[in-house]
Amino acid sequence: MIGWAHFKAGHTEDGRHTLERALAIADRNRDARYHLGQVYERLAVEAEEEGDAEAVTEWLDQAEDSYIAGFGAGRGENPNQTALEALYERRNGGREGIEEYLATLDERDRIRRRDRILESRVEAAGTYEPFQLARLDGEVVDSADLEGKIAVLHFWGTWCGPCIVEMPEYQKFDERYRDDAEVAVLSISNDRANDIIDEYLAKNDFDFTVLVDEGYVERAGVNAWPTTWFVDREGYVQFVEIGTALKLDEEFSWRVEAIREDTTSP
């Protein structure tokens, strides 16, 4: 907000530096991506007024990259697509070919997201707090039994709005690995009563495995929801996702397969 205020007040460079700093903290913020793209376009206009054609191209390229980065970063109406279309018309003198151009953005965004995710591996991987937690049917799951498997531990609750938004994608992810003997996908619910969880699952036709928290999140130091750990076969947490995953099934599977590839490579 501060960066956008700088920009609207005519302090373009202050706006740029503030927004770039903001994105260093939250690089998937679609509004910040849009605002930064607008700043880059303003800088392109200023470069054009100065007769610097090379700088014009560079700033417009950066604007395009910022809009593309925000293209898949959020649900609902996204200002980055509108900005991309306007920028395309500006650079190409019209809308001819725009449908083909827009069709490439999903793949470009997919490549960007995958690269970001694989680069986010925990630098100094450590083990996690062991547990013995009951499933909703009463059967106890011991974390010691996960040794030798790739484990995905997903912390959530029905009271958590962002958790609920991504649950259909989580169901798809669970189904993807349900019959994979090398992968264990477990969710740990922070709800206060089992009947709340049962009712939610039945209402939405979800059947993924749910473990009951029983104070484990406090012992394990989990303080944000949703949080997901991706654990290798030796019990080391290799990836951590905090917050909502926009394309959970795809993005979670990238982490699982990266761990699998590491542990099966000669």
C-alpha atoms as a PDB file:
ATOM      1  CA  MET A   1       0.000   0.000   0.000  1.00  0.00           C
ATOM      2  CA  ILE A   2       2.852   2.373   0.815  1.00  0.00           C
ATOM      3  CA  GLY A   3       4.539   1.619  -2.500  1.00  0.00           C
ATOM      4  CA  TRP A   4       1.336   2.288  -4.419  1.00  0.00           C
ATOM      5  CA  ALA A   5       0.823   5.530  -2.476  1.00  0.00           C
ATOM      6  CA  HIS A   6       4.333   6.663  -3.440  1.00  0.00           C
ATOM      7  CA  PHE A   7       3.578   5.880  -7.074  1.00  0.00           C
ATOM      8  CA  LYS A   8       0.237   7.711  -7.116  1.00  0.00           C
ATOM      9  CA  ALA A   9       1.915  10.738  -5.517  1.00  0.00           C
ATOM     10  CA  GLY A  10       4.389  10.850  -8.396  1.00  0.00           C
ATOM     11  CA  HIS A  11       7.341   9.369  -6.490  1.00  0.00           C
ATOM     12  CA  THR A  12       7.969   6.585  -8.977  1.00  0.00           C
ATOM     13  CA  GLU A  13      11.357   5.400  -7.722  1.00  0.00           C
ATOM     14  CA  ASP A  14      10.192   5.316  -4.102  1.00  0.00           C
ATOM     15  CA  GLY A  15       7.199   3.282  -5.222  1.00  0.00           C
ATOM     16  CA  ARG A  16       9.395   0.869  -7.145  1.00  0.00           C
ATOM     17  CA  HIS A  17      11.814   0.249  -4.289  1.00  0.00           C
ATOM     18  CA  THR A  18       9.007  -0.211  -1.738  1.00  0.00           C
ATOM     19  CA  LEU A  19       7.049  -2.634  -3.914  1.00  0.00           C
ATOM     20  CA  GLU A  20      10.154  -4.646  -4.784  1.00  0.00           C
ATOM     21  CA  ARG A  21      10.911  -4.957  -1.080  1.00  0.00           C
ATOM     22  CA  ALA A  22       7.321  -6.056  -0.429  1.00  0.00           C
ATOM     23  CA  LEU A  23       7.581  -8.777  -3.059  1.00  0.00           C
ATOM     24  CA  ALA A  24      10.811 -10.028  -1.532  1.00  0.00           C
ATOM     25  CA  ILE A  25       8.627 -10.908   1.475  1.00  0.00           C
ATOM     26  CA  ALA A  26       5.456 -12.049  -0.330  1.00  0.00           C
ATOM     27  CA  ASP A  27       6.252 -12.774  -3.954  1.00  0.00           C
ATOM     28  CA  ARG A  28       2.791 -14.213  -4.713  1.00  0.00           C
ATOM     29  CA  ASN A  29       0.864 -11.076  -3.809  1.00  0.00           C
ATOM     30  CA  ARG A  30      -1.047 -10.403  -7.022  1.00  0.00           C
ATOM     31  CA  ASP A  31      -1.888  -6.792  -6.175  1.00  0.00           C
ATOM     32  CA  ALA A  32       1.742  -5.961  -5.488  1.00  0.00           C
ATOM     33  CA  ARG A  33       2.658  -7.611  -8.801  1.00  0.00           C
ATOM     34  CA  TYR A  34       0.070  -5.499 -10.593  1.00  0.00           C
ATOM     35  CA  HIS A  35       1.158  -2.304  -8.861  1.00  0.00           C
ATOM     36  CA  LEU A  36       4.814  -2.961  -9.633  1.00  0.00           C
ATOM     37  CA  GLY A  37       3.934  -3.590 -13.282  1.00  0.00           C
ATOM     38  CA  GLN A  38       2.217  -0.222 -13.355  1.00  0.00           C
ATOM     39  CA  VAL A  39       5.348   1.392 -11.912  1.00  0.00           C
ATOM     40  CA  TYR A  40       7.502  -0.241 -14.578  1.00  0.00           C
ATOM     41  CA  GLU A  41       5.166   1.031 -17.273  1.00  0.00           C
ATOM     42  CA  ARG A  42       5.462   4.567 -15.867  1.00  0.00           C
ATOM     43  CA  LEU A  43       9.244   4.228 -15.958  1.00  0.00           C
ATOM     44  CA  ALA A  44       8.968   3.133 -19.594  1.00  0.00           C
ATOM     45  CA  VAL A  45       7.014   6.305 -20.366  1.00  0.00           C
ATOM     46  CA  GLU A  46       9.677   8.406 -18.671  1.00  0.00           C
ATOM     47  CA  ALA A  47      12.412   6.614 -20.634  1.00  0.00           C
ATOM     48  CA  GLU A  48      10.479   7.227 -23.864  1.00  0.00           C
ATOM     49  CA  GLU A  49      10.297  10.943 -23.054  1.00  0.00           C
ATOM     50  CA  GLU A  50      14.062  10.903 -22.646  1.00  0.00           C
ATOM     51  CA  GLY A  51      14.512   9.126 -25.978  1.00  0.00           C
ATOM     52  CA  ASP A  52      16.038   5.984 -24.412  1.00  0.00           C
ATOM     53  CA  ALA A  53      14.549   3.213 -26.563  1.00  0.00           C
ATOM     54  CA  GLU A  54      16.589   0.467 -24.913  1.00  0.00           C
ATOM     55  CA  ALA A  55      15.347   1.437 -21.446  1.00  0.00           C
ATOM     56  CA  VAL A  56      11.755   1.549 -22.746  1.00  0.00           C
ATOM     57  CA  THR A  57      12.037  -2.071 -23.854  1.00  0.00           C
ATOM     58  CA  GLU A  58      13.651  -3.144 -20.596  1.00  0.00           C
ATOM     59  CA  TRP A  59      10.983  -1.502 -18.421  1.00  0.00           C
ATOM     60  CA  LEU A  60       8.138  -2.910 -20.528  1.00  0.00           C
ATOM     61  CA  ASP A  61       9.702  -6.363 -20.330  1.00  0.00           C
ATOM     62  CA  GLN A  62       9.824  -6.050 -16.549  1.00  0.00           C
ATOM     63  CA  ALA A  63       6.206  -4.887 -16.479  1.00  0.00           C
ATOM     64  CA  GLU A  64       5.181  -7.907 -18.509  1.00  0.00           C
ATOM     65  CA  ASP A  65       7.136 -10.254 -16.238  1.00  0.00           C
ATOM     66  CA  SER A  66       5.501  -8.735 -13.155  1.00  0.00           C
ATOM     67  CA  TYR A  67       1.995  -9.139 -14.588  1.00  0.00           C
ATOM     68  CA  ILE A  68       2.728 -12.709 -15.638  1.00  0.00           C
ATOM     69  CA  ALA A  69       4.012 -13.511 -12.129  1.00  0.00           C
ATOM     70  CA  GLY A  70       0.711 -12.209 -10.769  1.00  0.00           C
ATOM     71  CA  PHE A  71      -1.361 -13.870 -13.481  1.00  0.00           C
ATOM     72  CA  GLY A  72      -1.837 -17.106 -11.545  1.00  0.00           C
ATOM     73  CA  ALA A  73      -1.371 -15.630  -8.071  1.00  0.00           C
ATOM     74  CA  GLY A  74      -4.893 -15.525  -6.707  1.00  0.00           C
ATOM     75  CA  ARG A  75      -8.469 -16.591  -7.175  1.00  0.00           C
ATOM     76  CA  GLY A  76     -11.225 -14.499  -8.670  1.00  0.00           C
ATOM     77  CA  GLU A  77     -10.888 -11.409 -10.826  1.00  0.00           C
ATOM     78  CA  ASN A  78      -7.234 -10.627 -11.423  1.00  0.00           C
ATOM     79  CA  PRO A  79      -6.061  -7.139 -12.537  1.00  0.00           C
ATOM     80  CA  ASN A  80      -2.876  -8.606 -13.973  1.00  0.00           C
ATOM     81  CA  GLN A  81      -4.690 -10.175 -16.929  1.00  0.00           C
ATOM     82  CA  THR A  82      -6.345  -6.879 -17.848  1.00  0.00           C
ATOM     83  CA  ALA A  83      -2.989  -5.115 -17.568  1.00  0.00           C
ATOM     84  CA  LEU A  84      -1.315  -7.764 -19.715  1.00  0.00           C
ATOM     85  CA  GLU A  85      -3.914  -7.361 -22.440  1.00  0.00           C
ATOM     86  CA  ALA A  86      -3.478  -3.585 -22.428  1.00  0.00           C
ATOM     87  CA  LEU A  87       0.295  -3.935 -22.524  1.00  0.00           C
ATOM     88  CA  TYR A  88       0.074  -6.403 -25.398  1.00  0.00           C
ATOM     89  CA  GLU A  89      -2.017  -3.942 -27.405  1.00  0.00           C
ATOM     90  CA  ARG A  90       0.447  -1.172 -26.609  1.00  0.00           C
ATOM     91  CA  ARG A  91       3.445  -3.184 -27.783  1.00  0.00           C
ATOM     92  CA  ASN A  92       1.800  -4.775 -30.802  1.00  0.00           C
ATOM     93  CA  GLY A  93      -0.467  -2.011 -32.022  1.00  0.00           C
ATOM     94  CA  GLY A  94      -3.643  -4.038 -31.575  1.00  0.00           C
ATOM     95  CA  ARG A  95      -5.153  -7.312 -30.348  1.00  0.00           C
ATOM     96  CA  GLU A  96      -4.189  -9.543 -33.250  1.00  0.00           C
ATOM     97  CA  GLY A  97      -2.631 -12.710 -31.844  1.00  0.00           C
ATOM     98  CA  ILE A  98      -3.602 -11.918 -28.257  1.00  0.00           C
ATOM     99  CA  GLU A  99      -5.516 -15.155 -27.684  1.00  0.00           C
ATOM    100  CA  GLU A 100      -2.466 -17.201 -28.639  1.00  0.00           C
ATOM    101  CA  TYR A 101      -0.326 -15.016 -26.385  1.00  0.00           C
ATOM    102  CA  LEU A 102      -2.623 -15.412 -23.386  1.00  0.00           C
ATOM    103  CA  ALA A 103      -2.745 -19.159 -23.928  1.00  0.00           C
ATOM    104  CA  THR A 104       0.993 -19.350 -23.262  1.00  0.00           C
ATOM    105  CA  LEU A 105       0.745 -17.618 -19.889  1.00  0.00           C
ATOM    106  CA  ASP A 106      -0.487 -20.599 -17.906  1.00  0.00           C
ATOM    107  CA  GLU A 107       2.561 -22.607 -18.958  1.00  0.00           C
ATOM    108  CA  ARG A 108       4.917 -19.713 -18.310  1.00  0.00           C
ATOM    109  CA  ASP A 109       3.371 -19.256 -14.880  1.00  0.00           C
ATOM    110  CA  ARG A 110       3.616 -22.999 -14.247  1.00  0.00           C
ATOM    111  CA  ILE A 111       7.341 -22.974 -15.014  1.00  0.00           C
ATOM    112  CA  ARG A 112       7.865 -19.964 -12.752  1.00  0.00           C
ATOM    113  CA  ARG A 113       5.936 -21.555  -9.887  1.00  0.00           C
ATOM    114  CA  ARG A 114       7.768 -24.866 -10.202  1.00  0.00           C
ATOM    115  CA  ASP A 115      11.168 -23.171 -10.204  1.00  0.00           C
ATOM    116  CA  ARG A 116      10.228 -21.140  -7.134  1.00  0.00           C
ATOM    117  CA  ILE A 117       8.992 -24.207  -5.292  1.00  0.00           C
ATOM    118  CA  LEU A 118      12.042 -26.340  -6.016  1.00  0.00           C
ATOM    119  CA  GLU A 119      14.291 -23.485  -4.918  1.00  0.00           C
ATOM    120  CA  SER A 120      12.418 -23.274  -1.593  1.00  0.00           C
ATOM    121  CA  ARG A 121      13.866 -26.503  -0.187  1.00  0.00           C
ATOM    122  CA  VAL A 122      14.821 -26.138   3.474  1.00  0.00           C
ATOM    123  CA  GLU A 123      18.525 -25.307   3.593  1.00  0.00           C
ATOM    124  CA  ALA A 124      19.244 -27.085   6.872  1.00  0.00           C
ATOM    125  CA  ALA A 125      16.640 -29.838   6.963  1.00  0.00           C
ATOM    126  CA  GLY A 126      15.770 -31.165  10.408  1.00  0.00           C
ATOM    127  CA  THR A 127      13.529 -33.871  11.791  1.00  0.00           C
ATOM    128  CA  TYR A 128      10.084 -33.215  13.252  1.00  0.00           C
ATOM    129  CA  GLU A 129       8.454 -33.922  16.597  1.00  0.00           C
ATOM    130  CA  PRO A 130       7.354 -37.584  16.631  1.00  0.00           C
ATOM    131  CA  PHE A 131       3.700 -38.381  17.225  1.00  0.00           C
ATOM    132  CA  GLN A 132       1.142 -41.043  17.966  1.00  0.00           C
ATOM    133  CA  LEU A 133      -2.210 -39.647  16.864  1.00  0.00           C
ATOM    134  CA  ALA A 134      -5.597 -41.260  16.425  1.00  0.00           C
ATOM    135  CA  ARG A 135      -7.546 -41.249  13.193  1.00  0.00           C
ATOM    136  CA  LEU A 136     -11.231 -40.411  13.303  1.00  0.00           C
ATOM    137  CA  ASP A 137     -12.000 -44.136  13.456  1.00  0.00           C
ATOM    138  CA  GLY A 138      -9.769 -44.516  16.521  1.00  0.00           C
ATOM    139  CA  GLU A 139      -6.842 -46.267  14.847  1.00  0.00           C
ATOM    140  CA  VAL A 140      -3.532 -44.818  16.068  1.00  0.00           C
ATOM    141  CA  VAL A 141      -0.912 -43.704  13.558  1.00  0.00           C
ATOM    142  CA  ASP A 142       2.692 -43.697  14.792  1.00  0.00           C
ATOM    143  CA  SER A 143       5.136 -41.410  13.002  1.00  0.00           C
ATOM    144  CA  ALA A 144       7.785 -44.111  13.444  1.00  0.00           C
ATOM    145  CA  ASP A 145       5.863 -46.176  10.893  1.00  0.00           C
ATOM    146  CA  LEU A 146       6.481 -43.479   8.272  1.00  0.00           C
ATOM    147  CA  GLU A 147      10.195 -44.268   8.145  1.00  0.00           C
ATOM    148  CA  GLY A 148      11.177 -45.263   4.623  1.00  0.00           C
ATOM    149  CA  LYS A 149       8.243 -43.353   3.109  1.00  0.00           C
ATOM    150  CA  ILE A 150       7.845 -39.842   1.772  1.00  0.00           C
ATOM    151  CA  ALA A 151       5.368 -38.222   4.150  1.00  0.00           C
ATOM    152  CA  VAL A 152       3.131 -35.192   3.622  1.00  0.00           C
ATOM    153  CA  LEU A 153       1.759 -33.787   6.889  1.00  0.00           C
ATOM    154  CA  HIS A 154      -0.943 -31.172   6.373  1.00  0.00           C
ATOM    155  CA  PHE A 155      -2.135 -29.082   9.341  1.00  0.00           C
ATOM    156  CA  TRP A 156      -5.602 -27.578   8.993  1.00  0.00           C
ATOM    157  CA  GLY A 157      -8.959 -26.985  10.678  1.00  0.00           C
ATOM    158  CA  THR A 158     -12.546 -26.466   9.619  1.00  0.00           C
ATOM    159  CA  TRP A 159     -12.419 -23.073  11.383  1.00  0.00           C
ATOM    160  CA  CYS A 160      -9.602 -21.947   9.048  1.00  0.00           C
ATOM    161  CA  GLY A 161     -10.963 -20.083   6.000  1.00  0.00           C
ATOM    162  CA  PRO A 162      -7.866 -20.513   3.797  1.00  0.00           C
ATOM    163  CA  CYS A 163      -7.776 -24.215   4.682  1.00  0.00           C
ATOM    164  CA  ILE A 164     -11.354 -24.698   3.523  1.00  0.00           C
ATOM    165  CA  VAL A 165     -10.697 -22.900   0.231  1.00  0.00           C
ATOM    166  CA  GLU A 166      -7.969 -25.355  -0.748  1.00  0.00           C
ATOM    167  CA  MET A 167      -9.614 -28.565   0.513  1.00  0.00           C
ATOM    168  CA  PRO A 168     -11.035 -29.677  -2.864  1.00  0.00           C
ATOM    169  CA  GLU A 169      -7.490 -29.506  -4.256  1.00  0.00           C
ATOM    170  CA  TYR A 170      -6.172 -31.346  -1.199  1.00  0.00           C
ATOM    171  CA  GLN A 171      -8.688 -34.129  -1.831  1.00  0.00           C
ATOM    172  CA  LYS A 172      -7.370 -34.447  -5.392  1.00  0.00           C
ATOM    173  CA  PHE A 173      -3.801 -34.567  -4.107  1.00  0.00           C
ATOM    174  CA  ASP A 174      -4.692 -37.250  -1.583  1.00  0.00           C
ATOM    175  CA  GLU A 175      -6.319 -39.328  -4.314  1.00  0.00           C
ATOM    176  CA  ARG A 176      -3.232 -38.929  -6.517  1.00  0.00           C
ATOM    177  CA  TYR A 177      -1.017 -40.719  -3.965  1.00  0.00           C
ATOM    178  CA  ARG A 178      -3.550 -42.919  -2.199  1.00  0.00           C
ATOM    179  CA  ASP A 179      -2.316 -46.106  -3.860  1.00  0.00           C
ATOM    180  CA  ASP A 180       1.364 -45.144  -3.854  1.00  0.00           C
ATOM    181  CA  ALA A 181       3.133 -47.360  -1.329  1.00  0.00           C
ATOM    182  CA  GLU A 182       6.074 -44.947  -1.138  1.00  0.00           C
ATOM    183  CA  VAL A 183       4.019 -41.907  -0.103  1.00  0.00           C
ATOM    184  CA  ALA A 184       1.931 -41.265   3.029  1.00  0.00           C
ATOM    185  CA  VAL A 185      -0.459 -38.300   2.949  1.00  0.00           C
ATOM    186  CA  LEU A 186      -1.823 -37.365   6.360  1.00  0.00           C
ATOM    187  CA  SER A 187      -3.824 -34.380   7.556  1.00  0.00           C
ATOM    188  CA  ILE A 188      -3.853 -33.247  11.186  1.00  0.00           C
ATOM    189  CA  SER A 189      -6.965 -31.355  12.202  1.00  0.00           C
ATOM    190  CA  ASN A 190      -6.885 -28.693  14.914  1.00  0.00           C
ATOM    191  CA  ASP A 191     -10.661 -28.826  15.463  1.00  0.00           C
ATOM    192  CA  ARG A 192     -11.985 -29.125  19.010  1.00  0.00           C
ATOM    193  CA  ALA A 193     -14.305 -32.085  18.380  1.00  0.00           C
ATOM    194  CA  ASN A 194     -14.329 -35.087  16.060  1.00  0.00           C
ATOM    195  CA  ASP A 195     -17.994 -34.676  15.125  1.00  0.00           C
ATOM    196  CA  ILE A 196     -17.188 -31.269  13.598  1.00  0.00           C
ATOM    197  CA  ILE A 197     -14.636 -32.914  11.319  1.00  0.00           C
ATOM    198  CA  ASP A 198     -16.942 -35.837  10.482  1.00  0.00           C
ATOM    199  CA  GLU A 199     -19.748 -33.476   9.533  1.00  0.00           C
ATOM    200  CA  TYR A 200     -17.470 -31.371   7.327  1.00  0.00           C
ATOM    201  CA  LEU A 201     -16.038 -34.399   5.507  1.00  0.00           C
ATOM    202  CA  ALA A 202     -19.462 -35.941   4.914  1.00  0.00           C
ATOM    203  CA  LYS A 203     -20.965 -32.682   3.676  1.00  0.00           C
ATOM    204  CA  ASN A 204     -18.217 -32.281   1.071  1.00  0.00           C
ATOM    205  CA  ASP A 205     -17.720 -35.959   0.142  1.00  0.00           C
ATOM    206  CA  PHE A 206     -14.098 -35.867   1.314  1.00  0.00           C
ATOM    207  CA  ASP A 207     -12.426 -39.070   2.463  1.00  0.00           C
ATOM    208  CA  PHE A 208      -8.790 -38.190   3.059  1.00  0.00           C
ATOM    209  CA  THR A 209      -7.117 -39.422   6.250  1.00  0.00           C
ATOM    210  CA  VAL A 210      -7.543 -37.105   9.246  1.00  0.00           C
ATOM    211  CA  LEU A 211      -5.558 -37.376  12.467  1.00  0.00           C
ATOM    212  CA  VAL A 212      -6.830 -35.645  15.616  1.00  0.00           C
ATOM    213  CA  ASP A 213      -4.449 -33.006  16.959  1.00  0.00           C
ATOM    214  CA  GLU A 214      -4.636 -33.676  20.734  1.00  0.00           C
ATOM    215  CA  GLY A 215      -2.075 -30.925  21.415  1.00  0.00           C
ATOM    216  CA  TYR A 216       0.475 -32.058  18.851  1.00  0.00           C
ATOM    217  CA  VAL A 217       0.576 -28.769  16.925  1.00  0.00           C
ATOM    218  CA  GLU A 218       1.689 -26.976  20.078  1.00  0.00           C
ATOM    219  CA  ARG A 219       4.419 -29.527  20.771  1.00  0.00           C
ATOM    220  CA  ALA A 220       5.547 -29.361  17.157  1.00  0.00           C
ATOM    221  CA  GLY A 221       5.582 -25.557  17.054  1.00  0.00           C
ATOM    222  CA  VAL A 222       2.966 -25.170  14.328  1.00  0.00           C
ATOM    223  CA  ASN A 223       1.402 -21.712  14.617  1.00  0.00           C
ATOM    224  CA  ALA A 224       0.012 -20.979  11.159  1.00  0.00           C
ATOM    225  CA  TRP A 225      -2.777 -22.654   9.188  1.00  0.00           C
ATOM    226  CA  PRO A 226      -2.620 -24.262   6.782  1.00  0.00           C
ATOM    227  CA  THR A 227       0.943 -25.545   7.172  1.00  0.00           C
ATOM    228  CA  THR A 228       2.307 -28.530   5.289  1.00  0.00           C
ATOM    229  CA  TRP A 229       5.514 -30.488   5.840  1.00  0.00           C
ATOM    230  CA  PHE A 230       7.110 -32.604   3.109  1.00  0.00           C
ATOM    231  CA  VAL A 231       9.275 -35.220   4.775  1.00  0.00           C
ATOM    232  CA  ASP A 232      11.877 -37.483   3.185  1.00  0.00           C
ATOM    233  CA  ARG A 233      12.327 -41.194   3.855  1.00  0.00           C
ATOM    234  CA  GLU A 234      14.732 -40.528   6.741  1.00  0.00           C
ATOM    235  CA  GLY A 235      12.312 -38.205   8.525  1.00  0.00           C
ATOM    236  CA  TYR A 236      13.825 -34.863   7.503  1.00  0.00           C
ATOM    237  CA  VAL A 237      11.500 -32.016   6.552  1.00  0.00           C
ATOM    238  CA  GLN A 238      12.647 -30.958   3.078  1.00  0.00           C
ATOM    239  CA  PHE A 239       9.889 -28.481   2.173  1.00  0.00           C
ATOM    240  CA  VAL A 240       7.476 -26.391   4.232  1.00  0.00           C
ATOM    241  CA  GLU A 241       4.407 -24.668   2.791  1.00  0.00           C
ATOM    242  CA  ILE A 242       2.712 -22.067   4.974  1.00  0.00           C
ATOM    243  CA  GLY A 243      -0.558 -20.610   3.727  1.00  0.00           C
ATOM    244  CA  THR A 244      -2.895 -21.454   0.905  1.00  0.00           C
ATOM    245  CA  ALA A 245      -1.519 -23.177  -2.184  1.00  0.00           C
ATOM    246  CA  LEU A 246      -3.265 -21.823  -5.276  1.00  0.00           C
ATOM    247  CA  LYS A 247      -2.846 -25.035  -7.275  1.00  0.00           C
ATOM    248  CA  LEU A 248      -2.268 -27.447  -4.431  1.00  0.00           C
ATOM    249  CA  ASP A 249      -2.451 -30.776  -6.242  1.00  0.00           C
ATOM    250  CA  GLU A 250       0.137 -29.716  -8.789  1.00  0.00           C
ATOM    251  CA  GLU A 251       2.435 -27.808  -6.447  1.00  0.00           C
ATOM    252  CA  PHE A 252       2.413 -30.425  -3.666  1.00  0.00           C
ATOM    253  CA  SER A 253       3.166 -33.176  -6.169  1.00  0.00           C
ATOM    254  CA  TRP A 254       6.228 -31.267  -7.420  1.00  0.00           C
ATOM    255  CA  ARG A 255       7.673 -31.409  -3.909  1.00  0.00           C
ATOM    256  CA  VAL A 256       6.865 -35.086  -3.452  1.00  0.00           C
ATOM    257  CA  GLU A 257       8.452 -36.024  -6.765  1.00  0.00           C
ATOM    258  CA  ALA A 258      11.537 -33.897  -6.058  1.00  0.00           C
ATOM    259  CA  ILE A 259      12.060 -35.832  -2.829  1.00  0.00           C
ATOM    260  CA  ARG A 260      11.401 -39.135  -4.591  1.00  0.00           C
ATOM    261  CA  GLU A 261      13.930 -38.284  -7.296  1.00  0.00           C
ATOM    262  CA  ASP A 262      16.560 -37.428  -4.686  1.00  0.00           C
ATOM    263  CA  THR A 263      16.127 -40.718  -2.877  1.00  0.00           C
ATOM    264  CA  THR A 264      16.022 -42.925  -5.976  1.00  0.00           C
ATOM    265  CA  SER A 265      18.930 -41.339  -7.863  1.00  0.00           C
ATOM    266  CA  PRO A 266      22.082 -43.493  -8.035  1.00  0.00           C
END
